[in-house]
Amino acid sequence: MMNTSEILEQLNCIFRKVLKNDSLVLTETTTAADVDGWDSLTNMQLITEIEKRFVLRFTFREIVKLKNVGDLCSVILSKLKQA
């Protein structure tokens, strides 16, 4: 079972690839406003890549409730536990 820091590490790789920014470092408090290029379009690309990487699906409600990367980690963790 993965923990939050392992998920964060995976998310860092995904965000760097999608946003084409190798120096990006995510924390649990990172929000879209903190990251250049993280807009509604790239958000959907990020969600798609995250779903592929972790082999899970987010509901629309889950996506709109996310406030920061920490929330994203929590949702991924709970989904991995259910699997």
N, C-alpha and C. Protein backbone atom coordinates (compact mmCIF):
# COMPACT_ATOMS: atom_id res chain seq x y z
N MET A 1 0.84 -1.20 0.00
CA MET A 1 0.00 0.00 0.00
C MET A 1 0.88 1.25 0.00
N MET A 2 0.55 2.18 -0.84
CA MET A 2 1.32 3.43 -0.93
C MET A 2 0.97 4.35 0.22
N ASN A 3 1.90 5.26 0.54
CA ASN A 3 1.60 6.30 1.52
C ASN A 3 1.58 7.65 0.81
N THR A 4 1.26 8.70 1.56
CA THR A 4 1.10 10.03 0.97
C THR A 4 2.37 10.51 0.28
N SER A 5 3.53 10.28 0.89
CA SER A 5 4.76 10.78 0.27
C SER A 5 5.08 10.05 -1.04
N GLU A 6 4.75 8.76 -1.11
CA GLU A 6 4.95 8.01 -2.36
C GLU A 6 3.99 8.51 -3.45
N ILE A 7 2.77 8.79 -3.06
CA ILE A 7 1.80 9.32 -4.02
C ILE A 7 2.25 10.69 -4.50
N LEU A 8 2.73 11.52 -3.58
CA LEU A 8 3.21 12.86 -3.93
C LEU A 8 4.36 12.78 -4.92
N GLU A 9 5.23 11.81 -4.73
CA GLU A 9 6.37 11.60 -5.64
C GLU A 9 5.86 11.25 -7.05
N GLN A 10 4.88 10.37 -7.13
CA GLN A 10 4.29 9.99 -8.42
C GLN A 10 3.60 11.21 -9.07
N LEU A 11 2.89 11.97 -8.24
CA LEU A 11 2.20 13.15 -8.76
C LEU A 11 3.19 14.17 -9.30
N ASN A 12 4.32 14.33 -8.62
CA ASN A 12 5.37 15.24 -9.10
C ASN A 12 5.79 14.86 -10.52
N CYS A 13 6.00 13.59 -10.77
CA CYS A 13 6.40 13.12 -12.10
C CYS A 13 5.32 13.45 -13.13
N ILE A 14 4.08 13.19 -12.79
CA ILE A 14 2.97 13.44 -13.71
C ILE A 14 2.85 14.94 -14.01
N PHE A 15 2.88 15.77 -12.97
CA PHE A 15 2.74 17.22 -13.15
C PHE A 15 3.89 17.77 -13.98
N ARG A 16 5.11 17.29 -13.72
CA ARG A 16 6.27 17.77 -14.49
C ARG A 16 6.12 17.44 -15.97
N LYS A 17 5.62 16.23 -16.25
CA LYS A 17 5.44 15.80 -17.64
C LYS A 17 4.34 16.62 -18.33
N VAL A 18 3.18 16.71 -17.71
CA VAL A 18 2.04 17.40 -18.32
C VAL A 18 2.30 18.90 -18.47
N LEU A 19 2.89 19.50 -17.44
CA LEU A 19 3.12 20.94 -17.46
C LEU A 19 4.48 21.32 -18.07
N LYS A 20 5.24 20.28 -18.47
CA LYS A 20 6.56 20.49 -19.10
C LYS A 20 7.44 21.42 -18.25
N ASN A 21 7.54 21.09 -16.96
CA ASN A 21 8.32 21.89 -16.02
C ASN A 21 9.08 20.95 -15.09
N ASP A 22 10.34 20.67 -15.43
CA ASP A 22 11.14 19.72 -14.66
C ASP A 22 11.53 20.22 -13.27
N SER A 23 11.39 21.51 -13.03
CA SER A 23 11.78 22.04 -11.71
C SER A 23 10.60 22.13 -10.74
N LEU A 24 9.41 21.73 -11.19
CA LEU A 24 8.22 21.81 -10.35
C LEU A 24 8.33 20.86 -9.15
N VAL A 25 8.04 21.38 -7.97
CA VAL A 25 8.02 20.55 -6.76
C VAL A 25 6.69 20.79 -6.06
N LEU A 26 5.89 19.73 -5.97
CA LEU A 26 4.58 19.82 -5.33
C LEU A 26 4.69 19.55 -3.84
N THR A 27 3.84 20.21 -3.07
CA THR A 27 3.67 19.88 -1.66
C THR A 27 2.18 19.64 -1.45
N GLU A 28 1.81 19.20 -0.27
CA GLU A 28 0.39 18.95 0.00
C GLU A 28 -0.43 20.23 -0.04
N THR A 29 0.22 21.38 0.14
CA THR A 29 -0.52 22.64 0.15
C THR A 29 -0.52 23.34 -1.21
N THR A 30 0.14 22.76 -2.21
CA THR A 30 0.18 23.35 -3.55
C THR A 30 -1.22 23.41 -4.15
N THR A 31 -1.56 24.57 -4.72
CA THR A 31 -2.85 24.73 -5.41
C THR A 31 -2.57 25.12 -6.87
N ALA A 32 -3.61 25.09 -7.69
CA ALA A 32 -3.46 25.46 -9.09
C ALA A 32 -2.93 26.89 -9.22
N ALA A 33 -3.32 27.77 -8.31
CA ALA A 33 -2.87 29.17 -8.36
C ALA A 33 -1.35 29.29 -8.16
N ASP A 34 -0.74 28.28 -7.52
CA ASP A 34 0.70 28.30 -7.26
C ASP A 34 1.54 27.85 -8.44
N VAL A 35 0.91 27.24 -9.44
CA VAL A 35 1.65 26.59 -10.52
C VAL A 35 1.34 27.22 -11.87
N ASP A 36 2.37 27.77 -12.52
CA ASP A 36 2.20 28.34 -13.87
C ASP A 36 1.71 27.27 -14.83
N GLY A 37 0.68 27.59 -15.59
CA GLY A 37 0.19 26.67 -16.61
C GLY A 37 -0.84 25.68 -16.14
N TRP A 38 -1.13 25.65 -14.82
CA TRP A 38 -2.14 24.72 -14.31
C TRP A 38 -3.50 25.40 -14.40
N ASP A 39 -4.17 25.16 -15.54
CA ASP A 39 -5.49 25.75 -15.77
C ASP A 39 -6.51 24.63 -15.94
N SER A 40 -7.72 24.98 -16.34
CA SER A 40 -8.78 23.97 -16.43
C SER A 40 -8.47 22.89 -17.46
N LEU A 41 -7.82 23.27 -18.56
CA LEU A 41 -7.48 22.28 -19.58
C LEU A 41 -6.39 21.33 -19.09
N THR A 42 -5.31 21.89 -18.55
CA THR A 42 -4.24 21.01 -18.06
C THR A 42 -4.72 20.20 -16.85
N ASN A 43 -5.69 20.75 -16.11
CA ASN A 43 -6.24 19.99 -14.98
C ASN A 43 -6.84 18.67 -15.46
N MET A 44 -7.58 18.72 -16.57
CA MET A 44 -8.18 17.49 -17.10
C MET A 44 -7.11 16.53 -17.62
N GLN A 45 -6.04 17.08 -18.21
CA GLN A 45 -4.93 16.23 -18.65
C GLN A 45 -4.26 15.58 -17.44
N LEU A 46 -4.09 16.35 -16.38
CA LEU A 46 -3.48 15.82 -15.15
C LEU A 46 -4.35 14.70 -14.57
N ILE A 47 -5.65 14.94 -14.48
CA ILE A 47 -6.57 13.93 -13.94
C ILE A 47 -6.49 12.64 -14.76
N THR A 48 -6.49 12.78 -16.08
CA THR A 48 -6.40 11.61 -16.96
C THR A 48 -5.12 10.82 -16.71
N GLU A 49 -3.99 11.53 -16.63
CA GLU A 49 -2.71 10.86 -16.38
C GLU A 49 -2.67 10.21 -15.00
N ILE A 50 -3.25 10.88 -14.00
CA ILE A 50 -3.28 10.34 -12.64
C ILE A 50 -4.14 9.07 -12.61
N GLU A 51 -5.28 9.11 -13.30
CA GLU A 51 -6.15 7.93 -13.35
C GLU A 51 -5.42 6.76 -13.99
N LYS A 52 -4.65 7.03 -15.06
CA LYS A 52 -3.89 5.95 -15.72
C LYS A 52 -2.81 5.40 -14.80
N ARG A 53 -2.05 6.30 -14.17
CA ARG A 53 -0.93 5.88 -13.33
C ARG A 53 -1.38 5.04 -12.14
N PHE A 54 -2.47 5.46 -11.49
CA PHE A 54 -2.93 4.78 -10.28
C PHE A 54 -4.05 3.77 -10.55
N VAL A 55 -4.45 3.64 -11.82
CA VAL A 55 -5.51 2.72 -12.24
C VAL A 55 -6.76 2.93 -11.38
N LEU A 56 -7.30 4.14 -11.47
CA LEU A 56 -8.53 4.47 -10.75
C LEU A 56 -9.31 5.52 -11.53
N ARG A 57 -10.51 5.80 -11.07
CA ARG A 57 -11.37 6.80 -11.71
C ARG A 57 -11.86 7.78 -10.66
N PHE A 58 -11.83 9.06 -11.00
CA PHE A 58 -12.39 10.09 -10.13
C PHE A 58 -13.80 10.42 -10.61
N THR A 59 -14.68 10.74 -9.68
CA THR A 59 -16.00 11.25 -10.06
C THR A 59 -15.86 12.76 -10.25
N PHE A 60 -16.81 13.34 -10.96
CA PHE A 60 -16.80 14.78 -11.17
C PHE A 60 -16.84 15.50 -9.81
N ARG A 61 -17.66 14.99 -8.92
CA ARG A 61 -17.80 15.59 -7.58
C ARG A 61 -16.46 15.59 -6.85
N GLU A 62 -15.72 14.49 -6.93
CA GLU A 62 -14.40 14.42 -6.27
C GLU A 62 -13.44 15.47 -6.85
N ILE A 63 -13.47 15.60 -8.17
CA ILE A 63 -12.56 16.55 -8.84
C ILE A 63 -12.86 17.98 -8.41
N VAL A 64 -14.13 18.37 -8.40
CA VAL A 64 -14.45 19.76 -8.07
C VAL A 64 -14.23 20.08 -6.60
N LYS A 65 -14.20 19.06 -5.74
CA LYS A 65 -13.98 19.30 -4.31
C LYS A 65 -12.49 19.44 -3.96
N LEU A 66 -11.61 19.09 -4.88
CA LEU A 66 -10.18 19.18 -4.60
C LEU A 66 -9.74 20.64 -4.45
N LYS A 67 -9.10 20.94 -3.33
CA LYS A 67 -8.65 22.32 -3.08
C LYS A 67 -7.13 22.45 -3.29
N ASN A 68 -6.41 21.34 -3.07
CA ASN A 68 -4.95 21.36 -3.20
C ASN A 68 -4.43 19.95 -3.45
N VAL A 69 -3.13 19.83 -3.58
CA VAL A 69 -2.51 18.54 -3.89
C VAL A 69 -2.72 17.55 -2.73
N GLY A 70 -2.77 18.06 -1.51
CA GLY A 70 -3.03 17.19 -0.35
C GLY A 70 -4.38 16.51 -0.45
N ASP A 71 -5.40 17.26 -0.88
CA ASP A 71 -6.73 16.68 -1.09
C ASP A 71 -6.66 15.58 -2.14
N LEU A 72 -5.91 15.84 -3.19
CA LEU A 72 -5.75 14.87 -4.27
C LEU A 72 -5.11 13.59 -3.74
N CYS A 73 -4.06 13.73 -2.94
CA CYS A 73 -3.39 12.58 -2.33
C CYS A 73 -4.37 11.78 -1.48
N SER A 74 -5.19 12.47 -0.69
CA SER A 74 -6.16 11.81 0.19
C SER A 74 -7.18 10.99 -0.60
N VAL A 75 -7.68 11.56 -1.70
CA VAL A 75 -8.66 10.85 -2.52
C VAL A 75 -8.01 9.62 -3.15
N ILE A 76 -6.79 9.77 -3.66
CA ILE A 76 -6.07 8.64 -4.26
C ILE A 76 -5.86 7.55 -3.22
N LEU A 77 -5.41 7.93 -2.02
CA LEU A 77 -5.18 6.96 -0.95
C LEU A 77 -6.45 6.19 -0.61
N SER A 78 -7.57 6.90 -0.47
CA SER A 78 -8.81 6.21 -0.11
C SER A 78 -9.28 5.28 -1.22
N LYS A 79 -9.07 5.69 -2.48
CA LYS A 79 -9.44 4.83 -3.60
C LYS A 79 -8.55 3.59 -3.68
N LEU A 80 -7.27 3.74 -3.40
CA LEU A 80 -6.35 2.60 -3.42
C LEU A 80 -6.71 1.61 -2.31
N LYS A 81 -7.15 2.11 -1.16
CA LYS A 81 -7.55 1.24 -0.05
C LYS A 81 -8.79 0.45 -0.40
N GLN A 82 -9.71 1.06 -1.18
CA GLN A 82 -10.96 0.40 -1.57
C GLN A 82 -10.74 -0.68 -2.61
N ALA A 83 -9.68 -0.53 -3.40
CA ALA A 83 -9.43 -1.43 -4.53
C ALA A 83 -9.12 -2.85 -4.07
